[in-house]
Protein backbone atom coordinates (compact mmCIF):
# COMPACT_ATOMS: atom_id res chain seq x y z
CA UNK A 1 4.67 -19.40 12.61
CA UNK A 2 2.62 -17.21 14.99
CA UNK A 3 -0.86 -16.37 13.76
CA UNK A 4 -3.52 -14.05 15.07
CA UNK A 5 -6.91 -13.33 13.64
CA UNK A 6 -9.43 -10.52 13.75
CA UNK A 7 -12.85 -9.90 12.22
CA UNK A 8 -13.78 -6.35 11.35
CA UNK A 9 -17.40 -5.30 11.31
CA UNK A 10 -18.36 -3.03 8.43
CA UNK A 11 -21.72 -1.25 8.26
CA UNK A 12 -24.76 -2.79 6.68
CA UNK A 13 -25.08 -1.48 3.16
CA UNK A 14 -28.51 -2.73 2.27
CA UNK A 15 -31.31 -3.98 4.47
CA UNK A 16 -34.18 -5.33 2.46
CA UNK A 17 -34.95 -5.46 -1.23
CA UNK A 18 -38.55 -6.33 -1.88
CA UNK A 19 -39.77 -7.92 -5.07
CA UNK A 20 -43.50 -8.35 -5.30
CA UNK A 21 -46.14 -8.78 -7.95
CA UNK A 22 -49.52 -7.70 -6.78
CA UNK A 23 -51.25 -8.55 -9.99
CA UNK A 24 -49.67 -11.98 -10.44
CA UNK A 25 -50.04 -13.03 -6.81
CA UNK A 26 -46.32 -13.71 -6.32
CA UNK A 27 -45.03 -13.91 -2.75
CA UNK A 28 -42.96 -11.08 -1.38
CA UNK A 29 -39.24 -11.95 -1.38
CA UNK A 30 -36.92 -10.31 1.11
CA UNK A 31 -33.13 -10.18 0.84
CA UNK A 32 -30.36 -8.67 2.91
CA UNK A 33 -26.89 -7.65 1.69
CA UNK A 34 -24.05 -7.44 4.19
CA UNK A 35 -20.29 -6.89 4.12
CA UNK A 36 -17.93 -9.19 5.95
CA UNK A 37 -14.21 -8.66 6.59
CA UNK A 38 -11.79 -11.28 7.82
CA UNK A 39 -8.22 -10.45 8.80
CA UNK A 40 -5.37 -12.73 9.85
CA UNK A 41 -2.08 -11.56 11.29
CA UNK A 42 1.09 -13.56 11.01
CA UNK A 43 4.85 -13.16 11.16
CA UNK A 44 6.50 -12.64 7.72
CA UNK A 45 8.94 -15.33 6.64
CA UNK A 46 10.53 -13.63 3.63
CA UNK A 47 11.68 -10.21 2.48
CA UNK A 48 12.29 -8.74 -0.97
CA UNK A 49 14.87 -6.03 -1.46
CA UNK A 50 15.68 -3.82 -4.43
CA UNK A 51 19.11 -2.15 -4.78
CA UNK A 52 20.68 0.10 -7.40
CA UNK A 53 24.33 0.08 -8.37
CA UNK A 54 25.46 3.30 -10.04
CA UNK A 55 28.65 4.90 -11.34
CA UNK A 56 29.54 8.06 -13.30
CA UNK A 57 32.75 7.95 -15.34
CA UNK A 58 34.44 9.52 -18.35
CA UNK A 59 33.02 6.95 -20.72
CA UNK A 60 30.08 4.56 -20.69
CA UNK A 61 32.47 1.61 -20.87
CA UNK A 62 34.34 2.69 -17.74
CA UNK A 63 31.10 3.36 -15.89
CA UNK A 64 29.72 -0.05 -16.82
CA UNK A 65 32.94 -1.81 -15.83
CA UNK A 66 32.67 -0.25 -12.40
CA UNK A 67 29.00 -1.20 -12.04
CA UNK A 68 29.85 -4.78 -13.12
CA UNK A 69 32.52 -4.92 -10.44
CA UNK A 70 29.99 -3.79 -7.86
CA UNK A 71 27.48 -6.37 -9.08
CA UNK A 72 30.04 -9.15 -8.65
CA UNK A 73 30.62 -7.98 -5.09
CA UNK A 74 26.87 -8.07 -4.45
CA UNK A 75 26.56 -11.56 -5.90
CA UNK A 76 29.41 -12.81 -3.70
CA UNK A 77 27.78 -11.39 -0.59
CA UNK A 78 24.38 -12.85 -1.44
CA UNK A 79 25.79 -16.29 -2.21
CA UNK A 80 27.81 -16.33 1.03
CA UNK A 81 24.59 -15.37 2.87
CA UNK A 82 22.83 -18.46 1.52
CA UNK A 83 20.64 -16.69 -1.04
CA UNK A 84 20.03 -18.86 -4.09
CA UNK A 85 20.64 -17.41 -7.57
CA UNK A 86 17.04 -18.17 -8.58
CA UNK A 87 16.02 -15.52 -6.04
CA UNK A 88 18.29 -12.85 -7.56
CA UNK A 89 17.41 -10.99 -10.76
CA UNK A 90 18.25 -7.84 -12.74
CA UNK A 91 15.29 -5.48 -12.81
CA UNK A 92 16.87 -2.88 -15.10
CA UNK A 93 20.12 -1.78 -16.73
CA UNK A 94 20.56 1.73 -18.13
CA UNK A 95 23.17 4.13 -19.51
CA UNK A 96 22.78 7.88 -19.81
CA UNK A 97 24.70 11.11 -20.04
CA UNK A 98 25.06 12.93 -16.74
CA UNK A 99 24.82 16.74 -16.51
CA UNK A 100 24.69 19.30 -13.75
CA UNK A 101 23.84 22.96 -13.77
CA UNK A 102 26.45 25.52 -12.75
CA UNK A 103 25.34 29.16 -12.65
CA UNK A 104 22.46 28.27 -14.93
CA UNK A 105 24.67 26.55 -17.48
CA UNK A 106 24.35 22.82 -18.19
CA UNK A 107 27.74 21.17 -17.82
CA UNK A 108 28.61 17.63 -18.94
CA UNK A 109 29.76 15.52 -15.96
CA UNK A 110 30.25 12.15 -17.64
CA UNK A 111 28.44 8.93 -18.47
CA UNK A 112 26.30 7.08 -15.95
CA UNK A 113 25.76 3.31 -15.84
CA UNK A 114 23.05 2.01 -13.54
CA UNK A 115 21.89 -1.50 -12.71
CA UNK A 116 18.97 -2.39 -10.41
CA UNK A 117 18.90 -5.81 -8.74
CA UNK A 118 16.11 -7.45 -6.76
CA UNK A 119 16.54 -10.44 -4.48
CA UNK A 120 14.52 -12.37 -1.93
CA UNK A 121 15.71 -13.62 1.41
CA UNK A 122 13.68 -16.54 2.72
CA UNK A 123 13.32 -18.31 6.09
CA UNK A 124 13.72 -15.12 8.14
CA UNK A 125 11.11 -16.01 10.79
CA UNK A 126 13.60 -17.88 12.99
CA UNK A 127 16.61 -15.62 12.25
CA UNK A 128 15.91 -11.96 12.95
CA UNK A 129 19.57 -11.06 12.23
CA UNK A 130 19.70 -12.56 8.75
CA UNK A 131 18.46 -9.54 6.80
CA UNK A 132 20.35 -6.86 8.79
CA UNK A 133 23.56 -8.87 8.34
CA UNK A 134 23.13 -8.90 4.58
CA UNK A 135 22.39 -5.14 4.48
CA UNK A 136 25.39 -4.37 6.66
CA UNK A 137 27.67 -6.10 4.18
CA UNK A 138 26.03 -4.56 1.11
CA UNK A 139 26.37 -0.96 2.32
CA UNK A 140 30.13 -1.38 2.45
CA UNK A 141 29.95 -1.13 -1.35
CA UNK A 142 30.36 2.54 -2.27
CA UNK A 143 27.69 3.76 -4.69
CA UNK A 144 24.97 1.29 -3.72
CA UNK A 145 21.37 2.41 -3.04
CA UNK A 146 18.65 0.49 -1.20
CA UNK A 147 15.44 1.33 -3.09
CA UNK A 148 12.81 -0.86 -1.51
CA UNK A 149 12.30 -3.46 1.18
CA UNK A 150 9.07 -5.38 1.69
CA UNK A 151 8.23 -8.25 4.03
CA UNK A 152 5.81 -11.00 3.09
CA UNK A 153 4.71 -14.62 3.42
CA UNK A 154 6.02 -17.22 1.00
CA UNK A 155 3.13 -19.67 1.32
CA UNK A 156 0.13 -17.49 2.11
CA UNK A 157 -2.69 -19.72 0.80
CA UNK A 158 -3.77 -20.97 4.22
CA UNK A 159 -3.99 -17.42 5.53
CA UNK A 160 -6.21 -16.31 2.68
CA UNK A 161 -8.41 -19.41 3.24
CA UNK A 162 -8.78 -18.50 6.89
CA UNK A 163 -9.46 -14.84 6.16
CA UNK A 164 -12.25 -15.87 3.72
CA UNK A 165 -13.78 -18.13 6.39
CA UNK A 166 -13.70 -15.30 8.94
CA UNK A 167 -15.20 -12.86 6.42
CA UNK A 168 -18.13 -15.21 5.69
CA UNK A 169 -18.72 -15.95 9.39
CA UNK A 170 -18.91 -12.24 10.15
CA UNK A 171 -21.31 -11.64 7.27
CA UNK A 172 -23.53 -14.51 8.45
CA UNK A 173 -23.54 -13.25 12.05
CA UNK A 174 -24.62 -9.78 10.95
CA UNK A 175 -27.30 -11.12 8.60
CA UNK A 176 -28.74 -13.36 11.36
CA UNK A 177 -28.87 -10.43 13.79
CA UNK A 178 -30.64 -8.12 11.34
CA UNK A 179 -33.02 -10.89 10.28
CA UNK A 180 -33.95 -11.57 13.91
CA UNK A 181 -34.58 -7.85 14.51
CA UNK A 182 -36.95 -7.89 11.52
CA UNK A 183 -38.73 -11.08 12.68
CA UNK A 184 -37.39 -13.08 9.71
CA UNK A 185 -35.08 -16.07 9.14
CA UNK A 186 -32.24 -16.74 6.68
CA UNK A 187 -33.18 -19.28 4.05
CA UNK A 188 -30.07 -19.46 1.87
CA UNK A 189 -27.21 -17.53 0.32
CA UNK A 190 -28.05 -15.94 -3.01
CA UNK A 191 -24.62 -14.62 -3.95
CA UNK A 192 -21.12 -14.03 -2.65
CA UNK A 193 -18.65 -11.58 -4.19
CA UNK A 194 -15.25 -10.30 -3.10
CA UNK A 195 -14.89 -6.52 -2.73
CA UNK A 196 -11.80 -5.82 -4.82
CA UNK A 197 -8.48 -7.62 -4.56
CA UNK A 198 -7.47 -9.46 -1.42
CA UNK A 199 -4.87 -7.59 0.58
CA UNK A 200 -1.64 -8.64 2.23
CA UNK A 201 0.27 -5.82 3.84
CA UNK A 202 2.86 -5.26 6.55
CA UNK A 203 1.78 -3.92 9.90
CA UNK A 204 4.04 -1.32 11.45
CA UNK A 205 5.22 -2.38 14.87
CA UNK A 206 6.37 0.93 16.40
CA UNK A 207 6.91 -0.51 19.88
CA UNK A 208 9.16 -3.29 18.58
CA UNK A 209 11.14 -0.74 16.60
CA UNK A 210 11.66 1.40 19.68
CA UNK A 211 12.80 -1.60 21.73
CA UNK A 212 15.34 -2.52 19.05
CA UNK A 213 16.70 1.04 19.08
CA UNK A 214 17.00 1.08 22.91
CA UNK A 215 18.82 -2.26 22.92
CA UNK A 216 21.19 -1.11 20.17
CA UNK A 217 22.12 2.10 21.97
CA UNK A 218 22.59 0.31 25.26
CA UNK A 219 24.91 -2.28 23.75
CA UNK A 220 26.82 0.19 21.56
CA UNK A 221 25.81 -1.85 18.51
CA UNK A 222 25.29 0.34 15.45
CA UNK A 223 24.46 -2.41 12.95
CA UNK A 224 21.28 -2.19 10.90
CA UNK A 225 18.07 -2.55 12.94
CA UNK A 226 15.17 -4.03 10.93
CA UNK A 227 12.13 -5.18 12.91
CA UNK A 228 9.73 -7.05 10.62
CA UNK A 229 6.50 -6.50 12.56
CA UNK A 230 3.51 -8.50 11.32
CA UNK A 231 1.88 -9.11 7.97
CA UNK A 232 -1.86 -8.67 7.52
CA UNK A 233 -3.97 -10.85 5.24
CA UNK A 234 -7.45 -9.41 4.61
CA UNK A 235 -10.49 -10.52 2.61
CA UNK A 236 -13.67 -8.44 2.14
CA UNK A 237 -16.83 -9.97 0.75
CA UNK A 238 -20.39 -8.95 -0.03
CA UNK A 239 -23.02 -11.63 0.71
CA UNK A 240 -26.71 -11.52 -0.27
CA UNK A 241 -29.05 -13.70 1.79
CA UNK A 242 -32.64 -14.74 1.09
CA UNK A 243 -34.97 -14.19 4.04
CA UNK A 244 -38.40 -15.53 4.98
């Protein structure tokens, strides 16, 4: 799996905090607080999709029967695509009366049944056509909606570990530089805290998307184009150092 890394420098938020006791004869203690950010880029190896199956009919029973038929079609496609049932789940199931307004008057249309399914496709790093192939088969089902698609990393622990290391290294580098400018030295770390939750987000790869579109038009291929781009794993920390 391809991996890139980057350290982002954030501004110094606090330079020195002095604590002294003139009357008690205590030594002056200097500290420095710095922010460090570590970011790792890697190729996603999984994708989660959310789809909705919907039908409006004369009765709730008829609408639900049609949605169940659609759900069976979806399950067949997913199984044939090598997606395990443990990675497929029902997110919601609802029934409601459907109306529309005609000349300001609410008119009963029928009964709507709706079922939302989520599923995960794994091992996509080495097969860029796996996800588009599944989508191309699913959209043959009339009445299906694709609600959400998100790429990610199945085993991301090592990337968070590396992003933490990079974040601390950057904080230490900044602290050493500011300490040297002040004619001081770092003695030890007083505290480390993470700034909010760690982040893992997709990175939009516009150039890759354009290349896919050009290739598709040139070949006359109108199947789904779905470049994954890269995923970004980021850690931000605040470190307080004791200086002397």
